[in-house]
């Protein structure tokens, strides 16, 4: 009885923190690493290099993607400047649903593929 109650509580807690978003926002930059990982549930994990000014060191934003259609759009936009729209889910008890607490749900390309590179 105690064990089944504990399992139900953990399941409800996990469902709640995956549903409830602590924060949401947008980050702009270049996706520099993106791969599908996971032992039980496969998720897409990536890094966004955010450059504030040319010539400065980029800041890395690590993120997870659970939706395959969003992951396909990110893969198609590699090498272009993009905006990632994300939700932050803190307190997820396992990495089965993503290795980070930032889950990308939308992507916007802000630099076309034929744009000239900065000199």
Protein backbone atom coordinates (compact mmCIF):
# COMPACT_ATOMS: atom_id res chain seq x y z
CA UNK A 1 0.00 0.00 0.00
CA UNK A 2 2.76 2.45 0.96
CA UNK A 3 4.82 1.60 -2.13
CA UNK A 4 1.88 2.05 -4.51
CA UNK A 5 1.02 5.38 -2.88
CA UNK A 6 4.63 6.51 -3.27
CA UNK A 7 4.66 5.51 -6.96
CA UNK A 8 1.42 7.41 -7.58
CA UNK A 9 2.79 10.51 -5.84
CA UNK A 10 5.99 10.40 -7.94
CA UNK A 11 3.97 9.99 -11.15
CA UNK A 12 1.67 12.90 -10.25
CA UNK A 13 4.63 15.09 -9.26
CA UNK A 14 6.45 14.32 -12.53
CA UNK A 15 3.32 15.02 -14.58
CA UNK A 16 2.84 18.32 -12.75
CA UNK A 17 6.40 19.62 -13.26
CA UNK A 18 6.30 18.64 -16.94
CA UNK A 19 2.99 20.48 -17.37
CA UNK A 20 3.78 23.56 -15.22
CA UNK A 21 6.31 26.03 -16.59
CA UNK A 22 8.49 27.98 -14.16
CA UNK A 23 9.48 30.47 -16.86
CA UNK A 24 9.42 30.92 -20.60
CA UNK A 25 11.43 33.03 -22.98
CA UNK A 26 13.45 33.31 -26.15
CA UNK A 27 17.14 32.96 -26.94
CA UNK A 28 18.80 33.93 -30.23
CA UNK A 29 21.97 32.53 -31.72
CA UNK A 30 23.39 29.67 -33.75
CA UNK A 31 22.68 26.02 -32.97
CA UNK A 32 26.15 24.49 -32.80
CA UNK A 33 25.39 21.02 -31.46
CA UNK A 34 22.23 18.95 -31.80
CA UNK A 35 21.78 15.21 -31.31
CA UNK A 36 19.23 12.61 -30.26
CA UNK A 37 20.11 10.90 -26.97
CA UNK A 38 18.63 8.76 -24.24
CA UNK A 39 18.46 5.28 -22.77
CA UNK A 40 14.72 4.94 -22.24
CA UNK A 41 13.11 7.95 -23.95
CA UNK A 42 15.03 9.56 -26.84
CA UNK A 43 15.14 13.35 -26.70
CA UNK A 44 16.99 15.89 -28.78
CA UNK A 45 19.72 17.76 -26.90
CA UNK A 46 21.47 20.84 -28.22
CA UNK A 47 23.61 23.89 -27.63
CA UNK A 48 22.88 27.39 -28.86
CA UNK A 49 25.84 29.76 -29.19
CA UNK A 50 24.63 33.23 -28.27
CA UNK A 51 26.93 36.00 -29.51
CA UNK A 52 26.14 39.44 -28.12
CA UNK A 53 28.77 41.35 -30.12
CA UNK A 54 31.09 40.25 -32.95
CA UNK A 55 34.48 39.20 -31.61
CA UNK A 56 33.26 38.24 -28.13
CA UNK A 57 33.11 34.73 -26.70
CA UNK A 58 29.71 33.14 -27.23
CA UNK A 59 27.61 32.10 -24.26
CA UNK A 60 26.18 28.58 -24.49
CA UNK A 61 22.52 27.82 -23.90
CA UNK A 62 21.86 24.09 -23.51
CA UNK A 63 18.36 22.88 -24.31
CA UNK A 64 16.18 19.82 -24.88
CA UNK A 65 13.54 19.15 -27.52
CA UNK A 66 10.88 16.48 -27.08
CA UNK A 67 8.90 17.14 -30.28
CA UNK A 68 10.30 15.50 -33.43
CA UNK A 69 8.77 18.10 -35.78
CA UNK A 70 10.48 20.94 -33.88
CA UNK A 71 13.73 18.95 -33.93
CA UNK A 72 13.43 18.54 -37.71
CA UNK A 73 13.01 22.32 -38.11
CA UNK A 74 16.09 22.91 -35.95
CA UNK A 75 18.10 20.41 -38.02
CA UNK A 76 16.99 22.17 -41.22
CA UNK A 77 18.12 25.55 -39.86
CA UNK A 78 21.65 24.59 -38.75
CA UNK A 79 24.15 27.31 -39.71
CA UNK A 80 21.56 30.10 -39.61
CA UNK A 81 20.75 32.55 -36.84
CA UNK A 82 17.59 31.41 -35.05
CA UNK A 83 15.36 32.27 -32.12
CA UNK A 84 14.43 29.39 -29.82
CA UNK A 85 11.24 29.77 -27.79
CA UNK A 86 11.46 27.68 -24.63
CA UNK A 87 9.77 26.78 -21.36
CA UNK A 88 11.76 26.12 -18.19
CA UNK A 89 10.60 23.14 -16.13
CA UNK A 90 12.45 22.92 -12.82
CA UNK A 91 12.32 19.92 -10.54
CA UNK A 92 11.89 17.16 -13.13
CA UNK A 93 13.08 14.14 -11.13
CA UNK A 94 14.80 12.27 -13.98
CA UNK A 95 16.64 12.95 -17.23
CA UNK A 96 14.33 10.60 -19.15
CA UNK A 97 12.33 13.57 -20.45
CA UNK A 98 15.36 15.71 -21.33
CA UNK A 99 18.83 16.36 -19.97
CA UNK A 100 18.17 20.04 -19.29
CA UNK A 101 15.38 22.01 -17.69
CA UNK A 102 14.92 24.13 -20.85
CA UNK A 103 12.49 22.60 -23.35
CA UNK A 104 12.30 24.27 -26.77
CA UNK A 105 8.81 24.37 -28.24
CA UNK A 106 9.22 26.70 -31.22
CA UNK A 107 11.87 27.96 -33.62
CA UNK A 108 12.07 31.08 -35.79
CA UNK A 109 14.80 31.58 -38.39
CA UNK A 110 15.98 35.21 -38.40
CA UNK A 111 18.84 34.89 -40.89
CA UNK A 112 18.11 33.52 -44.35
CA UNK A 113 20.28 30.78 -45.79
CA UNK A 114 21.76 33.05 -48.49
CA UNK A 115 22.67 35.94 -46.14
CA UNK A 116 26.26 37.18 -46.48
CA UNK A 117 28.63 36.19 -43.69
CA UNK A 118 30.04 38.92 -41.46
CA UNK A 119 33.63 39.92 -42.29
